[in-house]
Protein backbone atom coordinates (compact mmCIF):
# COMPACT_ATOMS: atom_id res chain seq x y z
CA UNK A 1 -0.04 0.15 0.16
CA UNK A 2 2.92 2.32 0.84
CA UNK A 3 4.66 1.72 -2.48
CA UNK A 4 1.36 1.98 -4.31
CA UNK A 5 0.80 5.60 -2.48
CA UNK A 6 4.48 6.62 -3.38
CA UNK A 7 4.25 5.71 -7.10
CA UNK A 8 0.74 7.88 -7.12
CA UNK A 9 2.67 10.58 -5.36
CA UNK A 10 5.52 10.71 -7.87
CA UNK A 11 3.15 10.72 -10.69
CA UNK A 12 1.11 13.46 -9.35
CA UNK A 13 4.35 15.39 -9.02
CA UNK A 14 5.48 14.61 -12.42
CA UNK A 15 2.22 15.59 -13.92
CA UNK A 16 2.40 19.00 -11.91
CA UNK A 17 6.12 19.71 -13.20
CA UNK A 18 4.94 18.84 -16.79
CA UNK A 19 2.05 21.30 -16.40
CA UNK A 20 4.51 23.99 -15.62
CA UNK A 21 4.93 26.44 -18.50
CA UNK A 22 7.51 29.26 -19.09
CA UNK A 23 7.10 32.00 -21.81
CA UNK A 24 10.35 33.50 -22.08
CA UNK A 25 10.92 36.69 -24.05
CA UNK A 26 14.39 38.22 -24.64
CA UNK A 27 13.72 42.08 -25.42
CA UNK A 28 16.11 42.36 -28.02
CA UNK A 29 14.08 39.94 -30.06
CA UNK A 30 11.01 42.45 -30.04
CA UNK A 31 9.76 42.56 -33.40
CA UNK A 32 9.19 46.39 -33.18
CA UNK A 33 12.12 48.11 -31.39
CA UNK A 34 10.41 51.41 -31.35
CA UNK A 35 13.04 54.09 -30.21
CA UNK A 36 14.74 51.47 -28.00
CA UNK A 37 18.37 50.47 -29.01
CA UNK A 38 20.03 46.83 -28.60
CA UNK A 39 23.14 47.11 -26.38
CA UNK A 40 25.57 44.13 -26.36
CA UNK A 41 28.50 45.44 -24.86
CA UNK A 42 28.07 43.38 -21.85
CA UNK A 43 27.54 40.16 -23.65
CA UNK A 44 30.78 38.66 -22.01
CA UNK A 45 29.19 39.12 -18.61
CA UNK A 46 25.54 38.71 -19.07
CA UNK A 47 25.62 36.28 -22.20
CA UNK A 48 22.89 38.30 -23.56
CA UNK A 49 22.09 41.78 -25.13
CA UNK A 50 19.19 43.85 -23.91
CA UNK A 51 16.90 46.80 -25.04
CA UNK A 52 17.75 50.35 -23.64
CA UNK A 53 15.77 53.62 -24.08
CA UNK A 54 18.17 56.05 -25.24
CA UNK A 55 16.40 59.36 -25.62
CA UNK A 56 18.82 61.71 -24.15
CA UNK A 57 16.26 62.82 -21.80
CA UNK A 58 13.08 62.57 -24.04
CA UNK A 59 11.04 59.47 -23.74
CA UNK A 60 11.39 57.10 -26.70
CA UNK A 61 8.75 55.27 -28.87
CA UNK A 62 7.35 52.01 -27.26
CA UNK A 63 9.15 48.81 -28.20
CA UNK A 64 6.36 46.12 -29.14
CA UNK A 65 6.05 42.48 -30.12
CA UNK A 66 3.59 39.60 -30.10
CA UNK A 67 4.10 36.70 -27.76
CA UNK A 68 2.61 33.18 -28.33
CA UNK A 69 1.49 31.24 -25.18
CA UNK A 70 1.08 27.34 -25.21
CA UNK A 71 -1.92 27.28 -22.96
CA UNK A 72 -4.32 30.00 -21.26
CA UNK A 73 -4.51 30.50 -17.76
CA UNK A 74 -2.80 32.67 -14.98
CA UNK A 75 0.77 33.53 -15.18
CA UNK A 76 3.41 35.20 -12.75
CA UNK A 77 5.34 37.93 -14.52
CA UNK A 78 9.00 38.53 -13.96
CA UNK A 79 11.03 41.56 -15.44
CA UNK A 80 14.73 41.67 -15.44
CA UNK A 81 16.40 44.90 -15.09
CA UNK A 82 18.18 47.24 -13.17
CA UNK A 83 18.50 50.77 -11.83
CA UNK A 84 21.56 52.03 -13.63
CA UNK A 85 21.96 55.35 -11.66
CA UNK A 86 20.53 54.86 -7.92
CA UNK A 87 21.79 58.23 -6.38
CA UNK A 88 19.32 57.11 -4.60
CA UNK A 89 17.12 56.26 -7.43
CA UNK A 90 17.75 56.46 -10.96
CA UNK A 91 15.93 58.16 -13.88
CA UNK A 92 15.57 54.95 -16.12
CA UNK A 93 11.93 54.30 -15.43
CA UNK A 94 9.84 52.25 -17.54
CA UNK A 95 6.42 50.19 -17.71
CA UNK A 96 5.53 46.74 -19.11
CA UNK A 97 2.37 46.94 -21.02
CA UNK A 98 0.29 43.81 -21.84
CA UNK A 99 -2.33 44.05 -24.53
CA UNK A 100 -2.54 47.79 -24.22
CA UNK A 101 -2.76 47.71 -20.19
CA UNK A 102 0.28 48.57 -18.28
CA UNK A 103 1.34 46.37 -15.54
CA UNK A 104 0.99 48.27 -12.14
CA UNK A 105 4.67 48.71 -11.56
CA UNK A 106 7.27 51.10 -12.51
CA UNK A 107 10.61 49.70 -13.32
CA UNK A 108 14.19 50.91 -13.18
CA UNK A 109 13.61 52.91 -9.73
CA UNK A 110 14.59 50.26 -7.33
CA UNK A 111 17.64 51.83 -5.75
CA UNK A 112 19.56 48.78 -6.68
CA UNK A 113 22.19 48.83 -9.64
CA UNK A 114 22.50 45.15 -10.00
CA UNK A 115 20.65 43.19 -12.74
CA UNK A 116 17.66 41.28 -11.09
CA UNK A 117 14.34 39.62 -11.71
CA UNK A 118 11.45 41.71 -10.31
CA UNK A 119 7.98 40.34 -9.87
CA UNK A 120 5.43 42.42 -11.61
CA UNK A 121 2.24 40.43 -10.34
CA UNK A 122 -0.01 38.01 -11.72
CA UNK A 123 -2.13 37.94 -15.23
CA UNK A 124 -4.85 35.82 -16.56
CA UNK A 125 -3.91 35.06 -20.28
CA UNK A 126 -7.16 34.48 -22.27
CA UNK A 127 -5.74 34.37 -25.52
CA UNK A 128 -3.34 32.45 -27.47
CA UNK A 129 -1.58 35.63 -28.72
CA UNK A 130 -0.51 38.40 -26.26
CA UNK A 131 1.04 41.77 -27.25
CA UNK A 132 3.73 43.35 -25.25
CA UNK A 133 5.20 46.75 -25.04
CA UNK A 134 7.90 48.60 -23.07
CA UNK A 135 6.96 52.17 -22.48
CA UNK A 136 9.85 54.47 -21.67
CA UNK A 137 8.68 57.22 -19.07
CA UNK A 138 11.83 59.26 -19.16
CA UNK A 139 14.39 58.83 -22.05
CA UNK A 140 17.21 58.31 -19.56
CA UNK A 141 18.54 54.85 -20.42
CA UNK A 142 16.12 52.62 -18.77
CA UNK A 143 16.83 48.97 -19.78
CA UNK A 144 15.16 45.59 -19.86
CA UNK A 145 16.91 42.32 -20.43
CA UNK A 146 14.01 39.70 -20.50
CA UNK A 147 10.41 39.10 -19.43
CA UNK A 148 9.19 35.70 -18.12
CA UNK A 149 5.86 34.45 -17.69
CA UNK A 150 5.18 31.18 -15.60
CA UNK A 151 2.30 29.42 -14.24
CA UNK A 152 4.72 27.92 -11.78
CA UNK A 153 3.60 29.76 -8.74
CA UNK A 154 6.62 29.13 -6.56
CA UNK A 155 9.00 29.37 -9.37
CA UNK A 156 11.78 32.16 -9.15
CA UNK A 157 14.01 32.39 -12.38
CA UNK A 158 17.58 32.26 -11.64
CA UNK A 159 19.97 35.15 -11.49
CA UNK A 160 23.30 33.69 -10.99
CA UNK A 161 25.67 34.00 -14.22
CA UNK A 162 26.00 30.27 -15.00
CA UNK A 163 22.52 29.48 -13.77
CA UNK A 164 20.80 32.14 -15.82
CA UNK A 165 22.88 31.19 -18.83
CA UNK A 166 21.89 27.70 -18.73
CA UNK A 167 18.04 28.82 -18.24
CA UNK A 168 18.46 31.14 -21.21
CA UNK A 169 19.72 28.45 -23.53
CA UNK A 170 17.10 26.08 -22.37
CA UNK A 171 14.27 28.68 -23.04
CA UNK A 172 15.67 29.65 -26.27
CA UNK A 173 16.07 26.13 -27.45
CA UNK A 174 20.01 27.20 -28.03
CA UNK A 175 21.22 23.64 -26.88
CA UNK A 176 20.58 22.19 -30.20
CA UNK A 177 23.20 22.34 -32.81
CA UNK A 178 23.93 25.93 -34.24
CA UNK A 179 23.20 26.55 -37.92
CA UNK A 180 26.30 26.05 -40.02
CA UNK A 181 27.65 29.08 -41.70
CA UNK A 182 30.23 27.40 -43.84
CA UNK A 183 33.78 26.64 -44.04
CA UNK A 184 36.20 29.55 -44.62
CA UNK A 185 39.89 30.08 -45.33
CA UNK A 186 39.90 33.04 -42.83
CA UNK A 187 37.45 33.89 -40.44
CA UNK A 188 37.80 37.58 -39.04
CA UNK A 189 35.97 38.17 -35.99
CA UNK A 190 35.75 42.01 -35.36
CA UNK A 191 34.70 44.33 -37.99
CA UNK A 192 36.02 47.55 -37.03
CA UNK A 193 38.78 49.30 -39.55
CA UNK A 194 41.40 46.58 -38.83
CA UNK A 195 39.04 43.66 -39.03
CA UNK A 196 37.37 45.16 -42.22
CA UNK A 197 40.79 45.75 -44.10
CA UNK A 198 41.92 42.17 -43.10
CA UNK A 199 38.84 40.60 -44.75
CA UNK A 200 39.04 42.73 -47.85
CA UNK A 201 43.02 42.13 -48.13
CA UNK A 202 42.34 38.39 -47.76
CA UNK A 203 39.31 38.31 -50.20
CA UNK A 204 41.29 40.20 -52.77
CA UNK A 205 44.13 37.58 -52.53
CA UNK A 206 41.62 34.72 -53.59
CA UNK A 207 40.51 33.62 -49.95
CA UNK A 208 37.07 32.77 -48.87
CA UNK A 209 36.34 35.21 -45.82
CA UNK A 210 34.00 35.48 -42.95
CA UNK A 211 33.64 38.96 -41.61
CA UNK A 212 31.86 38.77 -38.22
CA UNK A 213 30.87 41.98 -36.61
CA UNK A 214 28.60 42.33 -33.36
CA UNK A 215 27.23 45.70 -34.28
CA UNK A 216 24.97 46.56 -37.23
CA UNK A 217 27.71 48.87 -38.57
CA UNK A 218 31.18 48.47 -39.62
CA UNK A 219 34.20 50.51 -38.55
CA UNK A 220 34.01 50.31 -34.74
CA UNK A 221 35.27 53.60 -33.49
CA UNK A 222 35.19 55.16 -36.79
CA UNK A 223 31.50 53.98 -37.06
CA UNK A 224 28.35 56.47 -36.66
CA UNK A 225 27.68 54.86 -33.42
CA UNK A 226 31.01 55.98 -31.76
CA UNK A 227 32.45 58.76 -34.06
CA UNK A 228 35.98 58.85 -33.73
CA UNK A 229 38.17 60.01 -36.92
CA UNK A 230 40.89 58.16 -38.20
CA UNK A 231 44.47 58.96 -37.10
CA UNK A 232 48.00 57.66 -38.29
CA UNK A 233 49.39 58.31 -41.59
CA UNK A 234 49.44 55.89 -44.24
CA UNK A 235 51.55 57.88 -46.99
CA UNK A 236 54.98 57.39 -45.02
CA UNK A 237 55.07 53.63 -45.64
CA UNK A 238 58.14 51.70 -46.81
CA UNK A 239 55.76 49.59 -48.67
CA UNK A 240 53.55 51.51 -51.26
CA UNK A 241 50.92 48.83 -51.55
CA UNK A 242 50.03 48.93 -47.94
CA UNK A 243 47.38 51.60 -47.00
CA UNK A 244 45.28 51.34 -50.05
CA UNK A 245 42.42 49.62 -48.62
CA UNK A 246 42.75 51.97 -45.31
CA UNK A 247 42.06 54.99 -47.94
CA UNK A 248 39.22 53.17 -49.54
CA UNK A 249 37.28 52.99 -45.91
CA UNK A 250 38.34 56.63 -45.03
CA UNK A 251 35.49 58.92 -45.47
CA UNK A 252 37.39 62.22 -44.93
CA UNK A 253 37.92 63.72 -41.51
CA UNK A 254 34.69 64.65 -39.81
CA UNK A 255 36.41 65.20 -36.39
CA UNK A 256 35.37 63.46 -33.30
CA UNK A 257 31.62 63.49 -32.20
CA UNK A 258 30.11 65.15 -35.32
CA UNK A 259 26.33 65.28 -34.72
CA UNK A 260 25.70 64.33 -38.38
CA UNK A 261 25.95 60.46 -38.63
CA UNK A 262 26.26 60.51 -42.55
CA UNK A 263 29.81 62.08 -41.99
CA UNK A 264 31.32 58.69 -41.00
CA UNK A 265 30.40 56.59 -43.95
CA UNK A 266 28.76 53.44 -42.55
CA UNK A 267 26.90 52.92 -45.75
CA UNK A 268 30.04 53.04 -47.67
CA UNK A 269 31.97 50.46 -45.61
CA UNK A 270 29.35 48.28 -45.83
CA UNK A 271 29.03 48.59 -49.72
CA UNK A 272 32.71 48.17 -50.18
CA UNK A 273 32.54 44.82 -48.27
CA UNK A 274 29.40 43.68 -50.12
CA UNK A 275 31.23 44.18 -53.29
CA UNK A 276 33.60 41.61 -52.55
CA UNK A 277 32.67 38.38 -53.94
CA UNK A 278 34.81 36.30 -51.53
CA UNK A 279 33.42 37.98 -48.42
CA UNK A 280 30.47 36.68 -46.43
CA UNK A 281 29.33 39.31 -44.09
CA UNK A 282 27.65 38.80 -40.69
CA UNK A 283 26.65 41.66 -38.79
CA UNK A 284 24.97 41.73 -35.32
CA UNK A 285 26.78 38.47 -34.50
CA UNK A 286 28.71 38.17 -31.08
CA UNK A 287 31.29 35.44 -31.29
CA UNK A 288 31.19 33.68 -27.44
CA UNK A 289 32.39 30.01 -28.28
CA UNK A 290 35.45 28.44 -29.71
CA UNK A 291 36.23 24.78 -30.72
CA UNK A 292 39.85 23.96 -30.66
CA UNK A 293 42.07 20.90 -31.28
CA UNK A 294 45.06 21.20 -29.19
CA UNK A 295 46.30 24.52 -30.10
CA UNK A 296 44.71 24.99 -33.24
CA UNK A 297 41.04 26.92 -33.67
CA UNK A 298 38.68 24.85 -35.55
CA UNK A 299 35.50 26.77 -35.46
CA UNK A 300 33.88 29.58 -33.64
CA UNK A 301 30.07 29.99 -32.92
CA UNK A 302 28.65 33.24 -32.61
CA UNK A 303 25.13 34.38 -31.69
CA UNK A 304 22.82 37.21 -33.49
CA UNK A 305 22.30 39.84 -31.09
CA UNK A 306 18.78 40.50 -32.02
CA UNK A 307 17.33 37.16 -32.86
CA UNK A 308 19.44 34.95 -30.62
CA UNK A 309 20.16 32.45 -33.50
CA UNK A 310 23.51 30.72 -33.24
CA UNK A 311 25.78 30.10 -36.19
CA UNK A 312 28.97 27.88 -36.36
CA UNK A 313 31.96 29.08 -38.65
CA UNK A 314 34.56 26.62 -39.38
CA UNK A 315 37.95 27.77 -40.80
CA UNK A 316 41.46 27.30 -41.48
CA UNK A 317 42.88 30.53 -39.96
CA UNK A 318 41.19 33.29 -37.71
CA UNK A 319 42.04 36.65 -37.06
CA UNK A 320 41.23 38.08 -33.94
CA UNK A 321 40.41 41.94 -34.70
CA UNK A 322 37.66 42.36 -31.71
CA UNK A 323 39.87 45.01 -30.06
CA UNK A 324 39.18 43.21 -26.79
CA UNK A 325 41.24 40.12 -27.83
CA UNK A 326 37.91 38.28 -27.36
CA UNK A 327 38.67 35.31 -29.60
CA UNK A 328 42.08 34.83 -28.30
CA UNK A 329 41.04 35.08 -24.89
CA UNK A 330 38.17 32.25 -25.73
CA UNK A 331 41.04 30.13 -27.45
CA UNK A 332 43.57 30.30 -24.56
CA UNK A 333 46.00 32.50 -26.25
CA UNK A 334 48.75 34.22 -24.13
CA UNK A 335 47.71 37.91 -23.32
CA UNK A 336 48.56 40.99 -21.35
CA UNK A 337 46.26 43.65 -19.64
CA UNK A 338 47.38 46.57 -17.90
CA UNK A 339 50.64 48.14 -17.42
CA UNK A 340 54.16 46.46 -17.16
CA UNK A 341 56.88 47.63 -14.75
CA UNK A 342 59.98 49.36 -15.75
CA UNK A 343 61.90 46.43 -14.34
CA UNK A 344 60.22 43.84 -16.80
CA UNK A 345 60.43 46.05 -19.88
CA UNK A 346 63.33 48.36 -19.43
CA UNK A 347 60.90 51.29 -20.67
CA UNK A 348 61.64 54.61 -19.33
CA UNK A 349 58.05 55.41 -19.66
CA UNK A 350 56.53 52.23 -18.02
CA UNK A 351 55.07 52.16 -14.65
CA UNK A 352 57.17 51.75 -11.55
CA UNK A 353 55.10 48.71 -10.54
CA UNK A 354 53.03 46.63 -12.73
CA UNK A 355 49.12 47.07 -12.26
CA UNK A 356 45.72 46.99 -13.95
CA UNK A 357 45.59 50.60 -15.33
CA UNK A 358 44.28 50.78 -18.88
CA UNK A 359 43.51 53.79 -21.05
CA UNK A 360 39.71 54.49 -20.73
CA UNK A 361 36.52 54.55 -22.98
CA UNK A 362 34.81 57.51 -24.34
CA UNK A 363 31.39 58.20 -25.09
CA UNK A 364 31.22 61.32 -27.32
CA UNK A 365 28.11 63.70 -27.56
CA UNK A 366 27.20 67.05 -29.25
CA UNK A 367 24.62 69.69 -29.18
CA UNK A 368 23.15 71.72 -31.74
CA UNK A 369 21.72 75.20 -31.89
CA UNK A 370 17.85 75.34 -32.53
CA UNK A 371 15.25 78.08 -33.23
CA UNK A 372 13.62 78.20 -29.92
CA UNK A 373 14.57 77.83 -26.38
CA UNK A 374 14.35 74.41 -24.59
CA UNK A 375 14.60 72.77 -21.26
CA UNK A 376 16.33 69.98 -19.65
CA UNK A 377 15.43 68.52 -16.30
CA UNK A 378 17.57 68.49 -12.94
CA UNK A 379 19.62 65.40 -12.87
CA UNK A 380 20.20 64.40 -8.93
CA UNK A 381 21.14 61.28 -10.15
CA UNK A 382 24.05 62.19 -12.36
CA UNK A 383 27.34 63.77 -11.39
CA UNK A 384 27.08 67.21 -9.89
CA UNK A 385 28.63 70.10 -11.22
CA UNK A 386 29.14 73.75 -10.00
CA UNK A 387 30.19 77.25 -10.94
CA UNK A 388 33.51 76.09 -9.68
CA UNK A 389 33.86 73.20 -11.72
CA UNK A 390 32.18 72.10 -15.14
CA UNK A 391 33.01 71.77 -18.76
CA UNK A 392 31.75 74.80 -20.68
CA UNK A 393 31.52 73.28 -24.18
CA UNK A 394 28.88 72.22 -26.52
CA UNK A 395 30.29 68.88 -27.53
CA UNK A 396 32.78 66.47 -26.43
CA UNK A 397 36.09 65.40 -27.81
CA UNK A 398 38.51 62.71 -26.79
CA UNK A 399 38.92 64.11 -23.40
CA UNK A 400 35.57 62.50 -22.30
CA UNK A 401 37.11 59.21 -20.83
CA UNK A 402 36.46 56.95 -18.11
CA UNK A 403 38.59 53.91 -16.92
CA UNK A 404 41.89 54.62 -15.89
CA UNK A 405 42.37 51.59 -13.83
CA UNK A 406 39.11 52.38 -11.68
CA UNK A 407 37.04 50.24 -13.95
CA UNK A 408 37.56 46.98 -15.84
CA UNK A 409 37.25 47.83 -19.53
CA UNK A 410 35.74 44.42 -20.32
CA UNK A 411 33.90 43.13 -17.43
CA UNK A 412 32.45 46.74 -16.50
CA UNK A 413 31.86 48.20 -19.70
CA UNK A 414 28.27 48.99 -18.69
CA UNK A 415 29.40 50.63 -15.68
CA UNK A 416 31.98 52.77 -17.65
CA UNK A 417 29.33 53.82 -20.28
CA UNK A 418 26.81 54.87 -17.47
CA UNK A 419 29.56 56.65 -15.74
CA UNK A 420 30.18 58.55 -18.94
CA UNK A 421 26.33 59.27 -19.01
CA UNK A 422 26.19 60.36 -15.58
CA UNK A 423 28.89 62.92 -16.31
CA UNK A 424 27.39 64.00 -19.84
CA UNK A 425 23.90 64.60 -18.29
CA UNK A 426 24.90 66.28 -15.31
CA UNK A 427 27.15 68.61 -16.93
CA UNK A 428 24.61 69.32 -19.66
CA UNK A 429 21.77 69.94 -16.98
CA UNK A 430 24.13 72.36 -15.34
CA UNK A 431 24.92 74.34 -18.57
CA UNK A 432 21.04 74.34 -19.46
CA UNK A 433 20.12 75.54 -16.08
CA UNK A 434 22.76 77.88 -14.88
CA UNK A 435 24.26 79.24 -18.38
CA UNK A 436 20.87 80.08 -20.19
CA UNK A 437 22.40 82.82 -21.94
CA UNK A 438 24.76 80.86 -23.69
CA UNK A 439 22.82 77.53 -24.00
CA UNK A 440 19.08 78.27 -23.81
CA UNK A 441 18.37 77.34 -27.68
CA UNK A 442 20.98 74.32 -27.47
CA UNK A 443 19.66 70.74 -27.60
CA UNK A 444 21.58 67.66 -27.21
CA UNK A 445 21.69 66.14 -30.75
CA UNK A 446 23.67 62.93 -30.16
CA UNK A 447 25.09 61.03 -27.27
CA UNK A 448 26.96 57.71 -27.87
CA UNK A 449 25.58 54.71 -26.03
CA UNK A 450 28.26 52.53 -27.41
CA UNK A 451 31.63 53.04 -25.63
CA UNK A 452 34.48 53.96 -27.93
CA UNK A 453 37.43 51.80 -26.11
CA UNK A 454 40.99 52.22 -26.27
CA UNK A 455 42.68 49.58 -24.38
CA UNK A 456 42.01 46.18 -22.94
CA UNK A 457 43.62 42.76 -23.62
CA UNK A 458 46.79 42.65 -25.88
CA UNK A 459 47.49 39.25 -27.42
CA UNK A 460 51.13 38.19 -27.12
CA UNK A 461 52.89 37.21 -30.44
CA UNK A 462 56.50 36.06 -30.97
CA UNK A 463 57.55 39.52 -30.58
CA UNK A 464 56.47 42.16 -28.18
CA UNK A 465 57.01 45.87 -29.48
CA UNK A 466 58.15 48.19 -26.86
CA UNK A 467 59.11 51.67 -26.42
CA UNK A 468 62.87 51.17 -27.49
CA UNK A 469 61.73 49.45 -30.70
CA UNK A 470 59.65 52.80 -31.47
CA UNK A 471 61.88 55.51 -30.21
CA UNK A 472 65.16 53.83 -31.71
CA UNK A 473 63.27 53.06 -35.01
CA UNK A 474 64.51 49.44 -35.26
CA UNK A 475 63.70 47.98 -38.53
CA UNK A 476 63.38 44.16 -37.96
CA UNK A 477 63.45 42.00 -41.22
CA UNK A 478 59.75 41.51 -40.89
CA UNK A 479 58.93 45.19 -40.31
CA UNK A 480 55.61 45.49 -42.00
CA UNK A 481 53.23 48.37 -41.01
CA UNK A 482 54.87 51.92 -40.69
CA UNK A 483 53.42 53.87 -37.68
CA UNK A 484 53.57 57.38 -37.10
CA UNK A 485 51.35 58.15 -34.29
CA UNK A 486 53.01 59.65 -30.92
CA UNK A 487 53.25 57.62 -27.84
CA UNK A 488 49.90 58.76 -26.50
CA UNK A 489 49.09 57.53 -22.96
CA UNK A 490 46.07 59.04 -21.37
CA UNK A 491 45.81 59.71 -17.74
CA UNK A 492 43.12 61.64 -15.57
CA UNK A 493 43.01 65.18 -16.00
CA UNK A 494 44.38 66.74 -12.75
CA UNK A 495 41.68 69.31 -12.33
CA UNK A 496 39.07 66.57 -12.77
CA UNK A 497 40.75 64.52 -10.33
CA UNK A 498 40.45 67.41 -8.03
CA UNK A 499 36.74 67.30 -7.84
CA UNK A 500 36.02 63.66 -8.87
CA UNK A 501 38.84 61.67 -7.59
CA UNK A 502 38.25 57.98 -8.22
CA UNK A 503 35.32 58.86 -10.63
CA UNK A 504 37.28 60.84 -13.23
CA UNK A 505 35.83 61.22 -16.58
CA UNK A 506 37.96 63.57 -18.05
CA UNK A 507 41.52 62.94 -19.51
CA UNK A 508 44.99 64.50 -20.35
CA UNK A 509 47.85 63.24 -22.14
CA UNK A 510 51.20 64.08 -23.26
CA UNK A 511 52.22 63.35 -26.86
CA UNK A 512 55.72 61.97 -27.17
CA UNK A 513 56.81 62.18 -30.90
CA UNK A 514 58.41 59.54 -32.66
CA UNK A 515 59.86 59.30 -36.31
CA UNK A 516 58.04 56.72 -38.53
CA UNK A 517 58.95 53.20 -37.41
CA UNK A 518 57.78 49.62 -38.40
CA UNK A 519 55.70 47.19 -36.65
CA UNK A 520 57.06 43.57 -37.08
CA UNK A 521 54.74 41.05 -38.74
CA UNK A 522 55.75 38.98 -35.42
CA UNK A 523 53.37 41.23 -33.57
CA UNK A 524 50.41 40.09 -35.55
CA UNK A 525 49.89 36.53 -34.82
CA UNK A 526 49.68 34.36 -31.54
CA UNK A 527 52.68 32.71 -30.00
CA UNK A 528 50.68 30.03 -28.67
CA UNK A 529 47.67 29.35 -30.95
CA UNK A 530 48.87 28.05 -34.23
CA UNK A 531 46.16 29.49 -36.56
CA UNK A 532 45.45 32.74 -35.06
CA UNK A 533 46.35 36.21 -36.35
CA UNK A 534 45.38 39.64 -34.58
CA UNK A 535 45.22 43.04 -35.90
CA UNK A 536 44.11 46.23 -34.25
CA UNK A 537 44.59 47.63 -30.71
CA UNK A 538 44.95 43.86 -29.50
CA UNK A 539 48.09 43.28 -31.00
CA UNK A 540 51.32 42.32 -29.20
CA UNK A 541 52.89 45.33 -27.69
CA UNK A 542 53.58 46.49 -24.20
CA UNK A 543 51.31 49.13 -22.97
CA UNK A 544 53.62 51.80 -23.51
CA UNK A 545 54.01 51.00 -27.18
CA UNK A 546 50.25 50.59 -27.38
CA UNK A 547 50.13 54.17 -26.85
CA UNK A 548 51.24 54.55 -30.40
CA UNK A 549 50.01 51.66 -32.31
CA UNK A 550 46.19 51.84 -31.29
CA UNK A 551 45.21 54.56 -33.89
CA UNK A 552 43.06 53.21 -36.68
CA UNK A 553 44.75 53.94 -39.98
CA UNK A 554 47.68 52.24 -38.36
CA UNK A 555 45.39 49.25 -37.07
CA UNK A 556 43.70 49.19 -40.64
CA UNK A 557 47.24 48.39 -42.23
CA UNK A 558 47.90 45.72 -39.96
CA UNK A 559 44.58 44.17 -41.18
CA UNK A 560 46.03 44.51 -44.70
CA UNK A 561 49.13 42.50 -43.75
CA UNK A 562 47.05 39.74 -41.97
CA UNK A 563 45.18 39.66 -45.11
CA UNK A 564 48.34 38.96 -47.32
CA UNK A 565 49.97 36.91 -44.79
CA UNK A 566 46.80 34.64 -44.65
CA UNK A 567 47.05 34.11 -48.37
CA UNK A 568 50.59 32.73 -47.90
CA UNK A 569 49.32 30.24 -45.16
CA UNK A 570 46.99 28.65 -47.45
CA UNK A 571 49.29 28.94 -50.48
CA UNK A 572 52.11 27.00 -48.69
CA UNK A 573 50.02 25.05 -46.16
CA UNK A 574 51.61 26.70 -43.33
CA UNK A 575 51.01 28.70 -40.24
CA UNK A 576 51.38 32.31 -39.56
CA UNK A 577 54.70 31.48 -37.71
CA UNK A 578 55.65 29.67 -40.78
CA UNK A 579 55.30 32.62 -42.97
CA UNK A 580 57.84 34.43 -40.82
CA UNK A 581 59.96 31.72 -40.85
CA UNK A 582 60.00 30.26 -44.44
CA UNK A 583 58.36 32.88 -46.59
CA UNK A 584 59.26 36.20 -45.38
CA UNK A 585 60.50 37.26 -48.59
CA UNK A 586 57.23 36.40 -50.42
CA UNK A 587 55.40 38.44 -47.75
CA UNK A 588 57.83 41.30 -48.22
CA UNK A 589 57.46 41.18 -52.27
CA UNK A 590 53.61 41.53 -51.74
CA UNK A 591 54.05 44.50 -49.40
CA UNK A 592 56.21 46.05 -52.07
CA UNK A 593 53.32 45.92 -54.40
CA UNK A 594 55.32 43.47 -57.04
CA UNK A 595 53.50 41.26 -58.97
CA UNK A 596 52.23 37.97 -57.38
CA UNK A 597 49.48 35.75 -58.83
CA UNK A 598 46.81 35.28 -56.00
CA UNK A 599 45.53 32.04 -54.96
CA UNK A 600 42.97 30.66 -57.56
C-alpha cells in the first residue's frame, strides 16, 4: 500500500512539473524596437543583449512584439532589469504594457544597480497571443533584459550568471546544434577598421572569408555609433601597396563626435565589403564560443544579438580583430592587460610597478543650436557640477574618458558607459539651467551609447613591440606596418581628479613624438595558438608601445598585412609563424606591390 501511494504521489508530482509552462521573452528579439536600442557591450558578462531607452532625456517610442502562449490561464510575471543610476534612485523608468494595459509597477527605480528579476504580479492569459510593449517614461536609458511568464506559482527565475545562462539557452532552444555558416579560409572576428581591412585584403588575394561583426555597422570606433576620426599616416610607408584599403575606408575627417552620422560613412563601408565576392558578411553576430583541437582553432560560434540565432563558422585560419582580444581569450591565447613595470620591460615610460591601469573608454556627445528655447531637467542622479567646476562646451572630444584602472574595460563596460552618461547628463543639465544665456537654444543632438574603447587585452606574439623599438626606429627584417602616431598615453586630468577623485571622466595626455617606425609581422600572430592572427589595438605590444600603435589607420594597415599573410598560409599550407620563418621574402614582395599571382 505504501509503495502504491508513493508511486501515485510521484506521478502527481511529475504531472505537476509537466504542467509548468515558461514563456521567456528576450527583449532584444522584439519585432518592433521602437525608439529602444540594442546594447550588447556586456555580452561577456550577461551572455545576452538587452534593450535600452536612449532618448537623451526625451521618452522614446514604445518597443513592441507579439508573444504566443502554449496554454491559457494565470501566469506570474517577472521582469529582469536594473536601476542604472541609483543616487538614491535613478531615472531609467519604464513600464511593461500587456495588451494595451500597463502592469501596475514602474521598473528602473529600485535603488539597486544590479541586474535582477523583479516580480510584476499575476495575469490571466485568455488568448493564444498577447501583445507586449515596453513604455519608456523618461528617455534616460531605462533598460530591460528579459520578461518571463510562468504558471509555476513558486518558481523564481535564476539570476546567478551560469545558472541564468543555462536557463536562457534552454528557453531559447540554443542547446541544439547551431546553424552551419560554412567553412572559410579565414574567419575574421571584429568588423572595425582593422578587421574590415583584413577581410578585404584576404578576399582580394582569393581567399574565402567570413567577416563577423557584433554591431549593425562596420568601422568600430570610426562608425556613426562611436564617431572617432581616423588617425595615423598611410603615406609614409616603406611599402607602397600598404594603406590602399585604409584609404578606401576613409570617409574624410569629420572630427570626433560630429552630430551628423552620415559623415562617418557607414553605408560606404558596408557597400565596399558587399562588393567583395569572396566575403560573407555577418553583422549583429557576437562570437562567444571557440572549438579547438590542441592549439589550433577549428571553429567559432556566434549568436545574433537581436534574434539569438546561433551560427557555427569553421575555418583554416582566424583573425582576432575584436579590440578586446575576445577570440584569443576564448581560445586560450597568451595575453596581457594593464601596465608592465620598468623592471620588466626596461622602458623609461613604463610604470614603476605593474598594475591593472588601462586607457579608458569615451562616449562622445554633441549639441546643436535650435530656433527656440528648450529646457533640460535637473539630474540629481548624475554627477554634480558647479560654478567652480564644469565643462563649458557644446560638444565632446576625446577627453571625455572613463576607466584609468578604476574600472575593468571588458567586464565593467556597462558601468563605464553609465558613468560617462552620468557625467554628460549632469554637465549638460548644469549648462542648460545655469548658463541659459549661452545654451538656452541648444539641445543634445547625439550621445553615444556604445563606448569607444582604447585599451583592454593585448594578445602576445613572437615579438612584443616596446618603447625602444619605437623610439630607436628599429627596422626588423619582418618590419611591416609603418606607424607614425605619437606615444599617446592618457591619464586623469588633474583638475578633474580634484573634484571627482576615483570617478574621473576627463583625460589628459602628453604626446611623445616619434619618427616613422615599423611594426614587425611577428606582432600580428599569436605565439601559442597556431592559426590565430590579430590586428588592431589588441596586437602584441607593451602598454607603452600600445600608446602609439592603437590609432585606426595604423590598425587598418595591420589588417591588410594579415590578409596578405593569410594568403601565404594557404598557398604554402603553413602557419602564421611559418610565413615568418620560411616565406618572409614572399610577404615582403607582396608588401612592395610587386606582381604576385593570387591563389585561384
